[in-house]
């Protein structure tokens, strides 16, 4: 007989420092809290009374995704008292599914009052405290789960995040490392550990951490290279920063934001031909056509290659970027100011007709 079966969604998806932005604007967020845990409890056979009816009817509704309907049956089971601790716990899970996390927290608190050794309730209570921006309470709940003999990469990762909020870099490092010892494929923990070193200003160790991630986990992707590029830029290593961005683009060729960023890096590094090549390669993937053409137009304009700039600006405008029209008009103004009225009028006519 089931006390809980859970098919819900994660409590929340977030990245390092949860609400803080990742170092590179197009990097993926790294923090993800888990789905509410499954729990299966077996009881001795009992005669069916009202409590049984309420409790197992609630579980049936929960399994069907009818969370709101299950709530009243869990409350009825609580009132009867026979399965009260488990009904409180299941009620908490139903309330989480309904987005009522503050009330769910009350249900989990009541669960651990009645069953102080119920590890799953402590873990979920820790999650809700974390989401409620109460890292001190979350730490207490997670540590209680560890005291009860449960040690998971989730608990240590969550503890590390809590200590990050309090700028306790030593304990954050300890728990990120423990999370990785339990699960080396946990990429968000690699990012977290690298961030600890970043906060300490030790970019060399931050780089070393992500390099280790590339060697030790199959889940490392293009974002690792983008973040490494950020670290190298912070170390004034332009060449290495460019190399890491290129490595990321090779793994993630359709990432328009990353490609545009790489092109900007080439321009700043006085390599406009590489910027042009990077943007033109992006156009082959048929994504971000408006933005890529706009960037190309700006590079050509800077190089005084006005005919090419005009064509790129028009393509950007026709693809939906209104800045393309402004760029095209600026090209027309260049010819007009230079006294080439015929050429300027021809360009203005194309702009009017959007051709």
Protein backbone atom coordinates (compact mmCIF):
# COMPACT_ATOMS: atom_id res chain seq x y z
CA UNK A 1 0.00 0.00 0.00
CA UNK A 2 1.49 3.34 -1.01
CA UNK A 3 1.99 6.23 1.35
CA UNK A 4 3.43 8.44 -1.37
CA UNK A 5 3.98 8.23 -5.06
CA UNK A 6 5.40 11.38 -6.63
CA UNK A 7 5.50 12.29 -10.28
CA UNK A 8 5.88 16.03 -9.86
CA UNK A 9 8.14 18.68 -11.20
CA UNK A 10 11.26 20.12 -9.63
CA UNK A 11 10.73 22.64 -6.87
CA UNK A 12 12.76 25.21 -8.82
CA UNK A 13 15.39 25.50 -11.54
CA UNK A 14 18.17 27.97 -10.87
CA UNK A 15 21.95 28.48 -11.37
CA UNK A 16 24.91 29.29 -9.31
CA UNK A 17 24.08 31.76 -6.60
CA UNK A 18 20.53 30.97 -7.72
CA UNK A 19 19.37 34.43 -8.69
CA UNK A 20 22.82 35.75 -9.67
CA UNK A 21 23.73 35.78 -13.34
CA UNK A 22 26.35 33.43 -14.70
CA UNK A 23 29.67 35.06 -15.67
CA UNK A 24 29.02 34.74 -19.39
CA UNK A 25 25.65 36.11 -20.59
CA UNK A 26 24.77 33.04 -22.63
CA UNK A 27 25.92 30.37 -20.17
CA UNK A 28 23.29 27.99 -18.86
CA UNK A 29 22.06 28.16 -15.36
CA UNK A 30 23.50 25.50 -13.16
CA UNK A 31 21.37 25.04 -10.03
CA UNK A 32 18.48 22.63 -10.11
CA UNK A 33 16.61 21.40 -7.07
CA UNK A 34 15.35 17.83 -7.42
CA UNK A 35 11.85 16.55 -7.85
CA UNK A 36 10.02 15.84 -4.62
CA UNK A 37 11.20 12.46 -3.40
CA UNK A 38 9.36 9.19 -3.83
CA UNK A 39 8.56 7.28 -0.68
CA UNK A 40 7.00 3.84 -0.36
CA UNK A 41 5.91 2.64 3.06
CA UNK A 42 4.32 -0.67 3.90
CA UNK A 43 2.03 -1.30 6.81
CA UNK A 44 0.62 -4.40 8.49
CA UNK A 45 -2.78 -5.34 7.18
CA UNK A 46 -5.49 -3.47 9.07
CA UNK A 47 -9.24 -3.51 8.82
CA UNK A 48 -10.48 -0.75 6.59
CA UNK A 49 -11.89 2.13 8.56
CA UNK A 50 -12.50 5.75 7.64
CA UNK A 51 -8.81 6.63 8.03
CA UNK A 52 -7.82 3.99 5.50
CA UNK A 53 -10.41 5.27 3.09
CA UNK A 54 -9.28 8.88 3.46
CA UNK A 55 -5.58 8.14 3.31
CA UNK A 56 -5.52 5.78 0.36
CA UNK A 57 -8.14 7.76 -1.53
CA UNK A 58 -5.86 10.79 -1.18
CA UNK A 59 -2.90 8.79 -2.50
CA UNK A 60 -4.96 7.62 -5.45
CA UNK A 61 -5.92 11.18 -6.34
CA UNK A 62 -2.32 12.30 -5.92
CA UNK A 63 -1.10 9.60 -8.32
CA UNK A 64 -3.63 10.88 -10.85
CA UNK A 65 -2.28 14.40 -10.55
CA UNK A 66 -5.45 15.61 -8.84
CA UNK A 67 -3.51 17.37 -6.09
CA UNK A 68 -6.15 19.87 -5.05
CA UNK A 69 -8.71 17.11 -4.54
CA UNK A 70 -6.22 15.03 -2.56
CA UNK A 71 -5.68 17.79 0.00
CA UNK A 72 -9.07 17.45 1.69
CA UNK A 73 -8.64 13.67 2.04
CA UNK A 74 -5.17 14.06 3.57
CA UNK A 75 -6.65 16.55 6.04
CA UNK A 76 -9.39 14.08 6.90
CA UNK A 77 -6.78 11.37 7.48
CA UNK A 78 -4.86 13.77 9.71
CA UNK A 79 -7.97 14.46 11.76
CA UNK A 80 -8.55 10.73 12.22
CA UNK A 81 -4.97 10.33 13.44
CA UNK A 82 -4.08 6.77 12.43
CA UNK A 83 -1.72 7.75 9.60
CA UNK A 84 -1.19 11.32 10.77
CA UNK A 85 2.61 11.68 10.23
CA UNK A 86 2.47 10.23 6.74
CA UNK A 87 -0.65 12.17 5.85
CA UNK A 88 1.14 15.37 6.87
CA UNK A 89 4.08 14.44 4.67
CA UNK A 90 1.93 13.59 1.67
CA UNK A 91 -0.09 16.74 2.24
CA UNK A 92 3.15 18.71 2.06
CA UNK A 93 3.98 17.13 -1.28
CA UNK A 94 0.53 17.91 -2.66
CA UNK A 95 0.84 21.54 -1.54
CA UNK A 96 4.22 21.80 -3.25
CA UNK A 97 2.59 20.63 -6.46
CA UNK A 98 -0.04 23.34 -6.01
CA UNK A 99 2.66 25.97 -5.56
CA UNK A 100 1.78 26.56 -1.91
CA UNK A 101 5.30 26.14 -0.56
CA UNK A 102 4.83 28.15 2.64
CA UNK A 103 1.92 25.97 3.71
CA UNK A 104 3.83 22.87 2.61
CA UNK A 105 6.63 23.94 4.94
CA UNK A 106 4.16 23.82 7.83
CA UNK A 107 3.16 20.29 6.82
CA UNK A 108 6.78 19.10 6.70
CA UNK A 109 7.50 20.73 10.07
CA UNK A 110 4.57 18.85 11.57
CA UNK A 111 5.88 15.65 9.98
CA UNK A 112 9.30 15.91 11.65
CA UNK A 113 7.68 16.82 14.96
CA UNK A 114 5.77 13.55 14.84
CA UNK A 115 8.58 11.54 13.19
CA UNK A 116 11.91 13.16 14.12
CA UNK A 117 13.89 10.48 12.24
CA UNK A 118 12.02 10.87 8.93
CA UNK A 119 14.94 11.76 6.64
CA UNK A 120 12.94 12.61 3.51
CA UNK A 121 10.90 15.18 5.37
CA UNK A 122 14.06 16.87 6.66
CA UNK A 123 15.49 17.00 3.14
CA UNK A 124 12.37 18.51 1.64
CA UNK A 125 12.08 20.93 4.53
CA UNK A 126 15.65 21.99 3.77
CA UNK A 127 14.73 22.57 0.13
CA UNK A 128 11.81 24.79 1.07
CA UNK A 129 13.87 26.77 3.57
CA UNK A 130 16.45 27.29 0.84
CA UNK A 131 13.86 28.54 -1.61
CA UNK A 132 12.43 30.80 1.09
CA UNK A 133 15.85 32.48 1.41
CA UNK A 134 16.41 31.03 4.91
CA UNK A 135 19.83 29.41 4.49
CA UNK A 136 20.41 29.06 8.23
CA UNK A 137 17.25 26.97 8.68
CA UNK A 138 18.06 25.03 5.51
CA UNK A 139 21.52 24.18 6.85
CA UNK A 140 19.99 22.89 10.09
CA UNK A 141 17.51 20.71 8.20
CA UNK A 142 20.10 19.28 5.82
CA UNK A 143 22.55 18.60 8.64
CA UNK A 144 19.80 16.75 10.51
CA UNK A 145 19.34 14.51 7.46
CA UNK A 146 23.08 13.80 7.46
CA UNK A 147 22.98 13.02 11.20
CA UNK A 148 20.28 10.46 10.44
CA UNK A 149 22.67 8.69 8.07
CA UNK A 150 21.62 10.04 4.69
CA UNK A 151 24.37 11.63 2.64
CA UNK A 152 23.68 12.57 -0.95
CA UNK A 153 25.21 14.87 -3.53
CA UNK A 154 22.00 16.91 -3.39
CA UNK A 155 22.34 17.58 0.32
CA UNK A 156 25.99 18.58 0.05
CA UNK A 157 25.35 20.72 -3.00
CA UNK A 158 22.47 22.49 -1.26
CA UNK A 159 24.60 23.01 1.85
CA UNK A 160 27.37 24.50 -0.28
CA UNK A 161 24.89 26.88 -1.88
CA UNK A 162 23.66 27.93 1.58
CA UNK A 163 27.20 28.65 2.73
CA UNK A 164 27.81 30.59 -0.50
CA UNK A 165 24.93 32.87 0.48
CA UNK A 166 26.73 33.59 3.75
CA UNK A 167 30.10 34.06 2.02
CA UNK A 168 31.53 31.13 3.98
CA UNK A 169 33.85 30.02 1.19
CA UNK A 170 35.64 27.35 3.26
CA UNK A 171 32.50 25.38 4.07
CA UNK A 172 31.09 25.98 0.59
CA UNK A 173 34.24 24.48 -0.91
CA UNK A 174 34.06 21.51 1.49
CA UNK A 175 30.50 20.64 0.54
CA UNK A 176 30.94 21.18 -3.22
CA UNK A 177 33.92 18.82 -3.08
CA UNK A 178 31.89 16.25 -1.13
CA UNK A 179 29.02 16.52 -3.63
CA UNK A 180 31.48 15.83 -6.46
CA UNK A 181 32.99 12.89 -4.59
CA UNK A 182 29.51 11.37 -4.44
CA UNK A 183 28.58 12.34 -8.00
CA UNK A 184 31.41 13.48 -10.31
CA UNK A 185 28.87 14.09 -13.11
CA UNK A 186 27.16 16.86 -11.16
CA UNK A 187 28.17 19.77 -13.40
CA UNK A 188 26.52 22.44 -11.26
CA UNK A 189 28.81 21.43 -8.39
CA UNK A 190 31.85 21.88 -10.63
CA UNK A 191 30.60 25.37 -11.47
CA UNK A 192 29.98 26.06 -7.79
CA UNK A 193 33.47 24.98 -6.78
CA UNK A 194 34.97 27.11 -9.55
CA UNK A 195 32.92 30.04 -8.31
CA UNK A 196 34.33 29.66 -4.82
CA UNK A 197 37.82 30.17 -6.25
CA UNK A 198 36.54 33.06 -8.36
CA UNK A 199 35.15 34.74 -5.24
CA UNK A 200 38.55 34.30 -3.62
CA UNK A 201 40.21 35.88 -6.66
CA UNK A 202 42.04 32.66 -7.47
CA UNK A 203 41.27 32.37 -11.18
CA UNK A 204 44.00 29.81 -11.73
CA UNK A 205 42.22 27.34 -9.45
CA UNK A 206 38.87 28.26 -10.97
CA UNK A 207 40.31 27.36 -14.38
CA UNK A 208 41.86 24.18 -13.00
CA UNK A 209 38.50 23.14 -11.53
CA UNK A 210 36.67 23.44 -14.84
CA UNK A 211 39.52 21.77 -16.70
CA UNK A 212 39.12 18.85 -14.28
CA UNK A 213 35.41 18.84 -15.03
CA UNK A 214 36.14 18.46 -18.74
CA UNK A 215 38.30 15.43 -17.94
CA UNK A 216 36.09 13.77 -15.35
CA UNK A 217 32.51 14.17 -16.52
CA UNK A 218 30.69 13.49 -19.74
CA UNK A 219 28.12 16.16 -18.89
CA UNK A 220 30.55 19.05 -19.47
CA UNK A 221 29.49 21.01 -22.53
CA UNK A 222 30.08 24.24 -24.37
CA UNK A 223 29.16 26.31 -21.32
CA UNK A 224 32.32 25.13 -19.59
CA UNK A 225 34.40 26.63 -22.39
CA UNK A 226 32.43 29.86 -22.30
CA UNK A 227 33.02 30.17 -18.55
CA UNK A 228 36.70 29.33 -18.98
CA UNK A 229 36.86 32.13 -21.53
CA UNK A 230 35.46 34.49 -18.91
CA UNK A 231 38.09 33.40 -16.40
CA UNK A 232 40.90 33.85 -18.90
CA UNK A 233 39.65 37.34 -19.75
CA UNK A 234 39.72 38.12 -16.04
CA UNK A 235 43.36 36.97 -16.09
CA UNK A 236 44.09 39.17 -19.13
CA UNK A 237 44.85 36.11 -21.24
CA UNK A 238 43.15 37.21 -24.46
CA UNK A 239 44.50 34.43 -26.63
CA UNK A 240 43.36 31.71 -24.22
CA UNK A 241 40.00 33.43 -23.82
CA UNK A 242 39.53 33.40 -27.60
CA UNK A 243 40.58 29.75 -27.79
CA UNK A 244 37.99 28.72 -25.20
CA UNK A 245 35.24 30.66 -26.95
CA UNK A 246 36.19 28.94 -30.21
CA UNK A 247 36.07 25.55 -28.45
CA UNK A 248 32.62 26.37 -27.15
CA UNK A 249 31.36 27.40 -30.59
CA UNK A 250 32.68 24.16 -32.08
CA UNK A 251 30.51 22.23 -29.63
CA UNK A 252 27.59 24.66 -29.88
CA UNK A 253 27.65 26.07 -33.44
CA UNK A 254 24.04 27.31 -33.41
CA UNK A 255 24.49 29.49 -30.33
CA UNK A 256 23.94 32.92 -31.86
CA UNK A 257 24.71 34.89 -28.69
CA UNK A 258 28.03 33.12 -28.20
CA UNK A 259 28.95 33.58 -31.84
CA UNK A 260 28.23 37.31 -31.73
CA UNK A 261 30.23 37.60 -28.53
CA UNK A 262 33.18 35.83 -30.11
CA UNK A 263 33.00 38.16 -33.10
CA UNK A 264 33.13 41.16 -30.74
CA UNK A 265 36.20 39.68 -29.09
CA UNK A 266 37.88 39.39 -32.49
CA UNK A 267 37.04 43.00 -33.30
CA UNK A 268 38.54 44.19 -30.00
CA UNK A 269 41.57 42.04 -30.73
CA UNK A 270 41.92 43.85 -34.07
CA UNK A 271 41.05 40.77 -36.09
CA UNK A 272 37.96 41.95 -38.01
CA UNK A 273 38.48 39.33 -40.71
CA UNK A 274 38.04 36.59 -38.09
CA UNK A 275 34.94 38.37 -36.80
CA UNK A 276 33.51 38.40 -40.33
CA UNK A 277 34.32 34.72 -40.80
CA UNK A 278 32.68 33.85 -37.46
CA UNK A 279 29.49 35.71 -38.31
CA UNK A 280 29.30 34.34 -41.86
CA UNK A 281 29.69 30.82 -40.51
CA UNK A 282 26.77 31.51 -38.21
CA UNK A 283 24.57 32.51 -41.15
CA UNK A 284 25.00 29.02 -42.57
CA UNK A 285 22.96 27.66 -39.66
CA UNK A 286 19.96 29.85 -40.58
CA UNK A 287 19.56 31.16 -37.03
CA UNK A 288 19.83 34.73 -35.78
CA UNK A 289 19.98 36.01 -39.35
CA UNK A 290 18.88 39.54 -38.43
CA UNK A 291 21.40 40.00 -35.62
CA UNK A 292 24.31 38.37 -37.44
CA UNK A 293 23.75 40.52 -40.53
CA UNK A 294 23.50 43.63 -38.38
CA UNK A 295 26.86 42.83 -36.78
CA UNK A 296 28.39 42.19 -40.20
CA UNK A 297 27.04 45.50 -41.45
CA UNK A 298 28.63 47.33 -38.54
CA UNK A 299 32.02 45.74 -39.17
CA UNK A 300 31.88 46.55 -42.89
CA UNK A 301 30.76 50.10 -42.09
CA UNK A 302 33.74 50.57 -39.76
CA UNK A 303 36.01 49.31 -42.53
CA UNK A 304 34.37 51.78 -44.97
CA UNK A 305 33.15 48.88 -47.09
CA UNK A 306 29.88 50.72 -47.51
CA UNK A 307 28.29 48.67 -50.30
CA UNK A 308 28.74 45.45 -48.31
CA UNK A 309 27.56 47.19 -45.14
CA UNK A 310 24.41 48.39 -46.92
CA UNK A 311 23.53 44.88 -48.15
CA UNK A 312 23.99 43.41 -44.65
CA UNK A 313 21.95 46.15 -43.03
CA UNK A 314 19.11 45.59 -45.50
CA UNK A 315 19.18 41.83 -44.84
CA UNK A 316 19.03 42.52 -41.11
CA UNK A 317 16.08 44.88 -41.57
CA UNK A 318 14.18 42.47 -43.84
CA UNK A 319 14.78 39.74 -41.27
CA UNK A 320 13.14 41.83 -38.56
CA UNK A 321 15.82 43.99 -36.93
CA UNK A 322 14.78 47.63 -37.20
CA UNK A 323 18.35 48.74 -36.52
CA UNK A 324 19.14 47.47 -39.99
CA UNK A 325 17.17 50.33 -41.53
CA UNK A 326 19.06 52.89 -39.47
CA UNK A 327 22.34 51.38 -40.58
CA UNK A 328 21.27 51.41 -44.24
CA UNK A 329 20.22 55.05 -43.97
CA UNK A 330 23.59 55.91 -42.45
CA UNK A 331 25.27 54.39 -45.50
CA UNK A 332 23.08 56.56 -47.70
CA UNK A 333 24.10 59.61 -45.66
CA UNK A 334 27.78 58.77 -46.19
CA UNK A 335 27.36 58.97 -49.96
CA UNK A 336 25.14 62.04 -49.72
CA UNK A 337 27.69 63.88 -47.56
CA UNK A 338 30.44 62.89 -49.95
CA UNK A 339 28.54 64.55 -52.81
CA UNK A 340 27.53 61.33 -54.57
CA UNK A 341 23.85 62.30 -54.74
CA UNK A 342 22.99 59.75 -57.41
CA UNK A 343 24.30 56.83 -55.35
CA UNK A 344 22.64 58.15 -52.21
CA UNK A 345 19.25 58.52 -53.92
CA UNK A 346 19.51 55.00 -55.32
CA UNK A 347 20.11 53.66 -51.82
CA UNK A 348 17.31 55.74 -50.31
CA UNK A 349 14.96 54.35 -52.97
CA UNK A 350 15.84 50.80 -52.01
CA UNK A 351 15.22 51.67 -48.38
CA UNK A 352 11.78 53.11 -49.19
CA UNK A 353 10.90 49.97 -51.13
CA UNK A 354 12.65 47.71 -48.57
CA UNK A 355 14.49 45.94 -51.38
